[in-house]
Amino acid sequence: MVHRMSSGWQPTGRYPGELYREALEARDRVSDVINELPQPVGAQLLTGVNQLDDEFQRFTQDDNGQTMGQSFGLSGDDVAGRAWWWKRKPVNLPW
């Protein structure tokens, strides 16, 4: 998803909201896995994830989760309880 985002959502310029939500949920699971892995494997995975997170931040804006809440029918409390990536919206909303 980060690659598609960085390319301006090529080839179509669109990206379904359902797939975007699935990507955020996958990122949640990656955090869980990193915490469960033995070292140094967890640290190596974290290095790669941090690089993707940096790219994600370049192509998103913090909006305190308003867009994700509205797009996915989540309450303010639900979004507030989620990780930082749920509180950012793509600069160019693709759905």
PDB file of N, CA and C in Angstrom:
ATOM      1  N   MET A   1       0.825  -1.184   0.000  1.00  0.00           N
ATOM      2  CA  MET A   1       0.000   0.000   0.000  1.00  0.00           C
ATOM      3  C   MET A   1       0.872   1.250   0.000  1.00  0.00           C
ATOM      4  N   VAL A   2       1.954   1.246   0.756  1.00  0.00           N
ATOM      5  CA  VAL A   2       2.817   2.423   0.805  1.00  0.00           C
ATOM      6  C   VAL A   2       3.399   2.706  -0.577  1.00  0.00           C
ATOM      7  N   HIS A   3       3.765   1.668  -1.303  1.00  0.00           N
ATOM      8  CA  HIS A   3       4.284   1.853  -2.658  1.00  0.00           C
ATOM      9  C   HIS A   3       3.221   2.472  -3.560  1.00  0.00           C
ATOM     10  N   ARG A   4       2.015   1.957  -3.507  1.00  0.00           N
ATOM     11  CA  ARG A   4       0.918   2.530  -4.316  1.00  0.00           C
ATOM     12  C   ARG A   4       0.675   3.986  -3.926  1.00  0.00           C
ATOM     13  N   MET A   5       0.693   4.267  -2.647  1.00  0.00           N
ATOM     14  CA  MET A   5       0.479   5.630  -2.171  1.00  0.00           C
ATOM     15  C   MET A   5       1.563   6.557  -2.723  1.00  0.00           C
ATOM     16  N   SER A   6       2.820   6.107  -2.665  1.00  0.00           N
ATOM     17  CA  SER A   6       3.926   6.946  -3.118  1.00  0.00           C
ATOM     18  C   SER A   6       3.895   7.186  -4.620  1.00  0.00           C
ATOM     19  N   SER A   7       3.204   6.314  -5.361  1.00  0.00           N
ATOM     20  CA  SER A   7       3.114   6.472  -6.817  1.00  0.00           C
ATOM     21  C   SER A   7       1.874   7.260  -7.232  1.00  0.00           C
ATOM     22  N   GLY A   8       1.166   7.824  -6.266  1.00  0.00           N
ATOM     23  CA  GLY A   8      -0.069   8.541  -6.591  1.00  0.00           C
ATOM     24  C   GLY A   8      -1.217   7.594  -6.882  1.00  0.00           C
ATOM     25  N   TRP A   9      -1.146   6.415  -6.254  1.00  0.00           N
ATOM     26  CA  TRP A   9      -2.192   5.392  -6.377  1.00  0.00           C
ATOM     27  C   TRP A   9      -2.282   4.848  -7.802  1.00  0.00           C
ATOM     28  N   GLN A  10      -1.129   4.737  -8.459  1.00  0.00           N
ATOM     29  CA  GLN A  10      -1.097   4.169  -9.807  1.00  0.00           C
ATOM     30  C   GLN A  10      -1.430   2.686  -9.752  1.00  0.00           C
ATOM     31  N   PRO A  11      -2.007   2.137 -10.796  1.00  0.00           N
ATOM     32  CA  PRO A  11      -2.177   2.732 -12.119  1.00  0.00           C
ATOM     33  C   PRO A  11      -3.478   3.514 -12.295  1.00  0.00           C
ATOM     34  N   THR A  12      -4.404   3.403 -11.367  1.00  0.00           N
ATOM     35  CA  THR A  12      -5.725   4.004 -11.589  1.00  0.00           C
ATOM     36  C   THR A  12      -5.943   5.320 -10.863  1.00  0.00           C
ATOM     37  N   GLY A  13      -5.109   5.615  -9.884  1.00  0.00           N
ATOM     38  CA  GLY A  13      -5.335   6.797  -9.056  1.00  0.00           C
ATOM     39  C   GLY A  13      -6.369   6.559  -7.964  1.00  0.00           C
ATOM     40  N   ARG A  14      -6.852   5.335  -7.869  1.00  0.00           N
ATOM     41  CA  ARG A  14      -7.862   4.958  -6.874  1.00  0.00           C
ATOM     42  C   ARG A  14      -7.329   3.789  -6.043  1.00  0.00           C
ATOM     43  N   TYR A  15      -7.879   3.668  -4.835  1.00  0.00           N
ATOM     44  CA  TYR A  15      -7.548   2.554  -3.954  1.00  0.00           C
ATOM     45  C   TYR A  15      -8.749   2.362  -3.044  1.00  0.00           C
ATOM     46  N   PRO A  16      -9.346   1.178  -3.053  1.00  0.00           N
ATOM     47  CA  PRO A  16     -10.556   0.970  -2.243  1.00  0.00           C
ATOM     48  C   PRO A  16     -10.303   1.163  -0.743  1.00  0.00           C
ATOM     49  N   GLY A  17     -11.230   1.818  -0.101  1.00  0.00           N
ATOM     50  CA  GLY A  17     -11.133   2.037   1.334  1.00  0.00           C
ATOM     51  C   GLY A  17     -11.014   0.742   2.115  1.00  0.00           C
ATOM     52  N   GLU A  18     -11.679  -0.310   1.630  1.00  0.00           N
ATOM     53  CA  GLU A  18     -11.624  -1.601   2.325  1.00  0.00           C
ATOM     54  C   GLU A  18     -10.198  -2.141   2.341  1.00  0.00           C
ATOM     55  N   LEU A  19      -9.481  -1.986   1.222  1.00  0.00           N
ATOM     56  CA  LEU A  19      -8.099  -2.454   1.170  1.00  0.00           C
ATOM     57  C   LEU A  19      -7.194  -1.595   2.050  1.00  0.00           C
ATOM     58  N   TYR A  20      -7.475  -0.313   2.096  1.00  0.00           N
ATOM     59  CA  TYR A  20      -6.696   0.580   2.954  1.00  0.00           C
ATOM     60  C   TYR A  20      -6.865   0.163   4.415  1.00  0.00           C
ATOM     61  N   ARG A  21      -8.105  -0.097   4.805  1.00  0.00           N
ATOM     62  CA  ARG A  21      -8.360  -0.527   6.186  1.00  0.00           C
ATOM     63  C   ARG A  21      -7.654  -1.847   6.476  1.00  0.00           C
ATOM     64  N   GLU A  22      -7.698  -2.777   5.531  1.00  0.00           N
ATOM     65  CA  GLU A  22      -7.002  -4.054   5.717  1.00  0.00           C
ATOM     66  C   GLU A  22      -5.501  -3.844   5.903  1.00  0.00           C
ATOM     67  N   ALA A  23      -4.937  -2.880   5.189  1.00  0.00           N
ATOM     68  CA  ALA A  23      -3.510  -2.588   5.339  1.00  0.00           C
ATOM     69  C   ALA A  23      -3.209  -2.035   6.730  1.00  0.00           C
ATOM     70  N   LEU A  24      -4.070  -1.169   7.241  1.00  0.00           N
ATOM     71  CA  LEU A  24      -3.870  -0.654   8.600  1.00  0.00           C
ATOM     72  C   LEU A  24      -3.993  -1.774   9.627  1.00  0.00           C
ATOM     73  N   GLU A  25      -4.931  -2.674   9.414  1.00  0.00           N
ATOM     74  CA  GLU A  25      -5.088  -3.810  10.327  1.00  0.00           C
ATOM     75  C   GLU A  25      -3.881  -4.741  10.247  1.00  0.00           C
ATOM     76  N   ALA A  26      -3.325  -4.904   9.047  1.00  0.00           N
ATOM     77  CA  ALA A  26      -2.112  -5.713   8.898  1.00  0.00           C
ATOM     78  C   ALA A  26      -0.953  -5.064   9.646  1.00  0.00           C
ATOM     79  N   ARG A  27      -0.874  -3.731   9.587  1.00  0.00           N
ATOM     80  CA  ARG A  27       0.182  -3.032  10.312  1.00  0.00           C
ATOM     81  C   ARG A  27       0.024  -3.253  11.818  1.00  0.00           C
ATOM     82  N   ASP A  28      -1.206  -3.305  12.298  1.00  0.00           N
ATOM     83  CA  ASP A  28      -1.446  -3.633  13.708  1.00  0.00           C
ATOM     84  C   ASP A  28      -0.854  -5.003  14.044  1.00  0.00           C
ATOM     85  N   ARG A  29      -1.108  -5.969  13.173  1.00  0.00           N
ATOM     86  CA  ARG A  29      -0.622  -7.332  13.424  1.00  0.00           C
ATOM     87  C   ARG A  29       0.905  -7.397  13.391  1.00  0.00           C
ATOM     88  N   VAL A  30       1.520  -6.623  12.506  1.00  0.00           N
ATOM     89  CA  VAL A  30       2.981  -6.597  12.439  1.00  0.00           C
ATOM     90  C   VAL A  30       3.557  -6.124  13.771  1.00  0.00           C
ATOM     91  N   SER A  31       2.946  -5.124  14.376  1.00  0.00           N
ATOM     92  CA  SER A  31       3.416  -4.660  15.692  1.00  0.00           C
ATOM     93  C   SER A  31       3.348  -5.772  16.721  1.00  0.00           C
ATOM     94  N   ASP A  32       2.275  -6.529  16.689  1.00  0.00           N
ATOM     95  CA  ASP A  32       2.131  -7.645  17.628  1.00  0.00           C
ATOM     96  C   ASP A  32       3.225  -8.680  17.413  1.00  0.00           C
ATOM     97  N   VAL A  33       3.496  -8.995  16.155  1.00  0.00           N
ATOM     98  CA  VAL A  33       4.505 -10.006  15.827  1.00  0.00           C
ATOM     99  C   VAL A  33       5.895  -9.535  16.273  1.00  0.00           C
ATOM    100  N   ILE A  34       6.219  -8.276  16.008  1.00  0.00           N
ATOM    101  CA  ILE A  34       7.530  -7.754  16.395  1.00  0.00           C
ATOM    102  C   ILE A  34       7.756  -7.940  17.893  1.00  0.00           C
ATOM    103  N   ASN A  35       6.732  -7.680  18.676  1.00  0.00           N
ATOM    104  CA  ASN A  35       6.856  -7.805  20.134  1.00  0.00           C
ATOM    105  C   ASN A  35       7.002  -9.246  20.594  1.00  0.00           C
ATOM    106  N   GLU A  36       6.560 -10.189  19.771  1.00  0.00           N
ATOM    107  CA  GLU A  36       6.619 -11.599  20.153  1.00  0.00           C
ATOM    108  C   GLU A  36       7.889 -12.301  19.671  1.00  0.00           C
ATOM    109  N   LEU A  37       8.591 -11.716  18.712  1.00  0.00           N
ATOM    110  CA  LEU A  37       9.769 -12.359  18.140  1.00  0.00           C
ATOM    111  C   LEU A  37      10.974 -12.259  19.069  1.00  0.00           C
ATOM    112  N   PRO A  38      11.825 -13.284  19.019  1.00  0.00           N
ATOM    113  CA  PRO A  38      13.067 -13.194  19.792  1.00  0.00           C
ATOM    114  C   PRO A  38      14.024 -12.195  19.126  1.00  0.00           C
ATOM    115  N   GLN A  39      14.931 -11.666  19.920  1.00  0.00           N
ATOM    116  CA  GLN A  39      15.959 -10.774  19.377  1.00  0.00           C
ATOM    117  C   GLN A  39      17.064 -11.653  18.779  1.00  0.00           C
ATOM    118  N   PRO A  40      17.733 -11.266  17.733  1.00  0.00           N
ATOM    119  CA  PRO A  40      17.678  -9.998  17.033  1.00  0.00           C
ATOM    120  C   PRO A  40      16.658  -9.964  15.891  1.00  0.00           C
ATOM    121  N   VAL A  41      15.884 -11.018  15.723  1.00  0.00           N
ATOM    122  CA  VAL A  41      14.931 -11.064  14.618  1.00  0.00           C
ATOM    123  C   VAL A  41      13.917  -9.927  14.711  1.00  0.00           C
ATOM    124  N   GLY A  42      13.369  -9.701  15.900  1.00  0.00           N
ATOM    125  CA  GLY A  42      12.406  -8.621  16.087  1.00  0.00           C
ATOM    126  C   GLY A  42      12.999  -7.269  15.742  1.00  0.00           C
ATOM    127  N   ALA A  43      14.245  -7.054  16.127  1.00  0.00           N
ATOM    128  CA  ALA A  43      14.906  -5.777  15.832  1.00  0.00           C
ATOM    129  C   ALA A  43      15.118  -5.603  14.337  1.00  0.00           C
ATOM    130  N   GLN A  44      15.443  -6.666  13.631  1.00  0.00           N
ATOM    131  CA  GLN A  44      15.631  -6.585  12.184  1.00  0.00           C
ATOM    132  C   GLN A  44      14.319  -6.257  11.480  1.00  0.00           C
ATOM    133  N   LEU A  45      13.261  -6.921  11.897  1.00  0.00           N
ATOM    134  CA  LEU A  45      11.955  -6.625  11.313  1.00  0.00           C
ATOM    135  C   LEU A  45      11.544  -5.190  11.620  1.00  0.00           C
ATOM    136  N   LEU A  46      11.798  -4.738  12.829  1.00  0.00           N
ATOM    137  CA  LEU A  46      11.452  -3.377  13.204  1.00  0.00           C
ATOM    138  C   LEU A  46      12.179  -2.354  12.337  1.00  0.00           C
ATOM    139  N   THR A  47      13.416  -2.623  11.975  1.00  0.00           N
ATOM    140  CA  THR A  47      14.162  -1.715  11.101  1.00  0.00           C
ATOM    141  C   THR A  47      13.452  -1.540   9.765  1.00  0.00           C
ATOM    142  N   GLY A  48      13.030  -2.637   9.166  1.00  0.00           N
ATOM    143  CA  GLY A  48      12.301  -2.562   7.900  1.00  0.00           C
ATOM    144  C   GLY A  48      10.960  -1.876   8.044  1.00  0.00           C
ATOM    145  N   VAL A  49      10.251  -2.172   9.108  1.00  0.00           N
ATOM    146  CA  VAL A  49       8.945  -1.564   9.353  1.00  0.00           C
ATOM    147  C   VAL A  49       9.092  -0.061   9.570  1.00  0.00           C
ATOM    148  N   ASN A  50      10.135   0.349  10.271  1.00  0.00           N
ATOM    149  CA  ASN A  50      10.367   1.778  10.488  1.00  0.00           C
ATOM    150  C   ASN A  50      10.580   2.514   9.167  1.00  0.00           C
ATOM    151  N   GLN A  51      11.254   1.879   8.226  1.00  0.00           N
ATOM    152  CA  GLN A  51      11.454   2.494   6.906  1.00  0.00           C
ATOM    153  C   GLN A  51      10.117   2.675   6.195  1.00  0.00           C
ATOM    154  N   LEU A  52       9.273   1.660   6.248  1.00  0.00           N
ATOM    155  CA  LEU A  52       7.944   1.779   5.644  1.00  0.00           C
ATOM    156  C   LEU A  52       7.103   2.826   6.368  1.00  0.00           C
ATOM    157  N   ASP A  53       7.210   2.867   7.685  1.00  0.00           N
ATOM    158  CA  ASP A  53       6.474   3.875   8.453  1.00  0.00           C
ATOM    159  C   ASP A  53       6.892   5.290   8.058  1.00  0.00           C
ATOM    160  N   ASP A  54       8.193   5.478   7.832  1.00  0.00           N
ATOM    161  CA  ASP A  54       8.674   6.795   7.402  1.00  0.00           C
ATOM    162  C   ASP A  54       8.054   7.191   6.068  1.00  0.00           C
ATOM    163  N   GLU A  55       7.987   6.247   5.138  1.00  0.00           N
ATOM    164  CA  GLU A  55       7.363   6.513   3.840  1.00  0.00           C
ATOM    165  C   GLU A  55       5.871   6.800   4.005  1.00  0.00           C
ATOM    166  N   PHE A  56       5.229   6.012   4.839  1.00  0.00           N
ATOM    167  CA  PHE A  56       3.807   6.221   5.108  1.00  0.00           C
ATOM    168  C   PHE A  56       3.565   7.634   5.627  1.00  0.00           C
ATOM    169  N   GLN A  57       4.405   8.083   6.533  1.00  0.00           N
ATOM    170  CA  GLN A  57       4.244   9.425   7.099  1.00  0.00           C
ATOM    171  C   GLN A  57       4.458  10.514   6.050  1.00  0.00           C
ATOM    172  N   ARG A  58       5.339  10.273   5.090  1.00  0.00           N
ATOM    173  CA  ARG A  58       5.587  11.264   4.030  1.00  0.00           C
ATOM    174  C   ARG A  58       4.352  11.506   3.174  1.00  0.00           C
ATOM    175  N   PHE A  59       3.520  10.489   3.020  1.00  0.00           N
ATOM    176  CA  PHE A  59       2.379  10.579   2.117  1.00  0.00           C
ATOM    177  C   PHE A  59       1.037  10.648   2.839  1.00  0.00           C
ATOM    178  N   THR A  60       1.103  10.927   4.148  1.00  0.00           N
ATOM    179  CA  THR A  60      -0.118  11.070   4.940  1.00  0.00           C
ATOM    180  C   THR A  60      -0.020  12.319   5.803  1.00  0.00           C
ATOM    181  N   GLN A  61      -1.183  12.720   6.343  1.00  0.00           N
ATOM    182  CA  GLN A  61      -1.248  13.873   7.247  1.00  0.00           C
ATOM    183  C   GLN A  61      -1.991  13.451   8.501  1.00  0.00           C
ATOM    184  N   ASP A  62      -1.540  13.966   9.618  1.00  0.00           N
ATOM    185  CA  ASP A  62      -2.235  13.709  10.873  1.00  0.00           C
ATOM    186  C   ASP A  62      -3.538  14.501  10.876  1.00  0.00           C
ATOM    187  N   ASP A  63      -4.636  13.801  11.041  1.00  0.00           N
ATOM    188  CA  ASP A  63      -5.932  14.485  11.190  1.00  0.00           C
ATOM    189  C   ASP A  63      -6.666  13.963  12.418  1.00  0.00           C
ATOM    190  N   ASN A  64      -5.900  13.375  13.345  1.00  0.00           N
ATOM    191  CA  ASN A  64      -6.430  12.861  14.606  1.00  0.00           C
ATOM    192  C   ASN A  64      -7.460  11.756  14.403  1.00  0.00           C
ATOM    193  N   GLY A  65      -7.370  11.080  13.256  1.00  0.00           N
ATOM    194  CA  GLY A  65      -8.245   9.949  12.991  1.00  0.00           C
ATOM    195  C   GLY A  65      -9.609  10.281  12.443  1.00  0.00           C
ATOM    196  N   GLN A  66      -9.866  11.551  12.135  1.00  0.00           N
ATOM    197  CA  GLN A  66     -11.201  11.930  11.645  1.00  0.00           C
ATOM    198  C   GLN A  66     -11.555  11.225  10.344  1.00  0.00           C
ATOM    199  N   THR A  67     -10.634  11.189   9.404  1.00  0.00           N
ATOM    200  CA  THR A  67     -10.929  10.562   8.108  1.00  0.00           C
ATOM    201  C   THR A  67     -11.135   9.067   8.262  1.00  0.00           C
ATOM    202  N   MET A  68     -10.291   8.409   9.042  1.00  0.00           N
ATOM    203  CA  MET A  68     -10.440   6.962   9.212  1.00  0.00           C
ATOM    204  C   MET A  68     -11.751   6.661   9.935  1.00  0.00           C
ATOM    205  N   GLY A  69     -12.091   7.470  10.911  1.00  0.00           N
ATOM    206  CA  GLY A  69     -13.360   7.279  11.620  1.00  0.00           C
ATOM    207  C   GLY A  69     -14.545   7.426  10.693  1.00  0.00           C
ATOM    208  N   GLN A  70     -14.564   8.491   9.901  1.00  0.00           N
ATOM    209  CA  GLN A  70     -15.674   8.726   8.980  1.00  0.00           C
ATOM    210  C   GLN A  70     -15.708   7.681   7.870  1.00  0.00           C
ATOM    211  N   SER A  71     -14.563   7.348   7.331  1.00  0.00           N
ATOM    212  CA  SER A  71     -14.509   6.413   6.205  1.00  0.00           C
ATOM    213  C   SER A  71     -14.887   4.990   6.595  1.00  0.00           C
ATOM    214  N   PHE A  72     -14.560   4.624   7.825  1.00  0.00           N
ATOM    215  CA  PHE A  72     -14.751   3.233   8.239  1.00  0.00           C
ATOM    216  C   PHE A  72     -15.795   3.066   9.336  1.00  0.00           C
ATOM    217  N   GLY A  73     -16.532   4.129   9.642  1.00  0.00           N
ATOM    218  CA  GLY A  73     -17.603   4.033  10.627  1.00  0.00           C
ATOM    219  C   GLY A  73     -17.113   3.756  12.034  1.00  0.00           C
ATOM    220  N   LEU A  74     -15.965   4.318  12.385  1.00  0.00           N
ATOM    221  CA  LEU A  74     -15.399   4.121  13.712  1.00  0.00           C
ATOM    222  C   LEU A  74     -15.718   5.320  14.597  1.00  0.00           C
ATOM    223  N   SER A  75     -15.983   5.055  15.850  1.00  0.00           N
ATOM    224  CA  SER A  75     -16.244   6.153  16.790  1.00  0.00           C
ATOM    225  C   SER A  75     -14.932   6.856  17.123  1.00  0.00           C
ATOM    226  N   GLY A  76     -15.047   8.057  17.641  1.00  0.00           N
ATOM    227  CA  GLY A  76     -13.869   8.797  18.069  1.00  0.00           C
ATOM    228  C   GLY A  76     -13.066   8.044  19.110  1.00  0.00           C
ATOM    229  N   ASP A  77     -13.756   7.384  20.042  1.00  0.00           N
ATOM    230  CA  ASP A  77     -13.071   6.615  21.076  1.00  0.00           C
ATOM    231  C   ASP A  77     -12.346   5.417  20.470  1.00  0.00           C
ATOM    232  N   ASP A  78     -12.976   4.785  19.474  1.00  0.00           N
ATOM    233  CA  ASP A  78     -12.348   3.637  18.838  1.00  0.00           C
ATOM    234  C   ASP A  78     -11.064   4.052  18.136  1.00  0.00           C
ATOM    235  N   VAL A  79     -11.115   5.137  17.385  1.00  0.00           N
ATOM    236  CA  VAL A  79      -9.916   5.616  16.686  1.00  0.00           C
ATOM    237  C   VAL A  79      -8.867   6.060  17.701  1.00  0.00           C
ATOM    238  N   ALA A  80      -9.290   6.728  18.755  1.00  0.00           N
ATOM    239  CA  ALA A  80      -8.346   7.215  19.765  1.00  0.00           C
ATOM    240  C   ALA A  80      -7.558   6.078  20.407  1.00  0.00           C
ATOM    241  N   GLY A  81      -8.173   4.914  20.514  1.00  0.00           N
ATOM    242  CA  GLY A  81      -7.518   3.771  21.130  1.00  0.00           C
ATOM    243  C   GLY A  81      -6.615   2.989  20.194  1.00  0.00           C
ATOM    244  N   ARG A  82      -6.504   3.427  18.968  1.00  0.00           N
ATOM    245  CA  ARG A  82      -5.689   2.718  17.979  1.00  0.00           C
ATOM    246  C   ARG A  82      -4.322   3.376  17.823  1.00  0.00           C
ATOM    247  N   ALA A  83      -3.457   2.696  17.103  1.00  0.00           N
ATOM    248  CA  ALA A  83      -2.086   3.176  16.883  1.00  0.00           C
ATOM    249  C   ALA A  83      -2.057   4.432  16.017  1.00  0.00           C
ATOM    250  N   TRP A  84      -0.925   5.105  15.995  1.00  0.00           N
ATOM    251  CA  TRP A  84      -0.772   6.390  15.309  1.00  0.00           C
ATOM    252  C   TRP A  84      -1.141   6.326  13.834  1.00  0.00           C
ATOM    253  N   TRP A  85      -0.921   5.199  13.167  1.00  0.00           N
ATOM    254  CA  TRP A  85      -1.209   5.130  11.725  1.00  0.00           C
ATOM    255  C   TRP A  85      -2.696   5.221  11.427  1.00  0.00           C
ATOM    256  N   TRP A  86      -3.536   4.956  12.386  1.00  0.00           N
ATOM    257  CA  TRP A  86      -4.986   5.115  12.213  1.00  0.00           C
ATOM    258  C   TRP A  86      -5.397   6.590  12.289  1.00  0.00           C
ATOM    259  N   LYS A  87      -4.515   7.418  12.761  1.00  0.00           N
ATOM    260  CA  LYS A  87      -4.844   8.830  12.963  1.00  0.00           C
ATOM    261  C   LYS A  87      -4.326   9.717  11.828  1.00  0.00           C
ATOM    262  N   ARG A  88      -3.849   9.076  10.760  1.00  0.00           N
ATOM    263  CA  ARG A  88      -3.318   9.808   9.614  1.00  0.00           C
ATOM    264  C   ARG A  88      -4.152   9.476   8.379  1.00  0.00           C
ATOM    265  N   LYS A  89      -4.278  10.443   7.498  1.00  0.00           N
ATOM    266  CA  LYS A  89      -5.037  10.232   6.253  1.00  0.00           C
ATOM    267  C   LYS A  89      -4.108  10.453   5.077  1.00  0.00           C
ATOM    268  N   PRO A  90      -4.347   9.751   3.986  1.00  0.00           N
ATOM    269  CA  PRO A  90      -3.543   9.996   2.790  1.00  0.00           C
ATOM    270  C   PRO A  90      -3.688  11.450   2.336  1.00  0.00           C
ATOM    271  N   VAL A  91      -2.592  12.020   1.872  1.00  0.00           N
ATOM    272  CA  VAL A  91      -2.635  13.386   1.353  1.00  0.00           C
ATOM    273  C   VAL A  91      -3.664  13.462   0.215  1.00  0.00           C
ATOM    274  N   ASN A  92      -3.637  12.456  -0.645  1.00  0.00           N
ATOM    275  CA  ASN A  92      -4.623  12.349  -1.731  1.00  0.00           C
ATOM    276  C   ASN A  92      -5.518  11.153  -1.435  1.00  0.00           C
ATOM    277  N   LEU A  93      -6.683  11.421  -0.912  1.00  0.00           N
ATOM    278  CA  LEU A  93      -7.601  10.345  -0.540  1.00  0.00           C
ATOM    279  C   LEU A  93      -8.039   9.597  -1.799  1.00  0.00           C
ATOM    280  N   PRO A  94      -7.777   8.286  -1.864  1.00  0.00           N
ATOM    281  CA  PRO A  94      -8.015   7.555  -3.112  1.00  0.00           C
ATOM    282  C   PRO A  94      -9.389   6.895  -3.243  1.00  0.00           C
ATOM    283  N   TRP A  95     -10.260   7.014  -2.254  1.00  0.00           N
ATOM    284  CA  TRP A  95     -11.567   6.387  -2.364  1.00  0.00           C
ATOM    285  C   TRP A  95     -12.665   7.413  -2.317  1.00  0.00           C
TER     286      TRP A  95
END
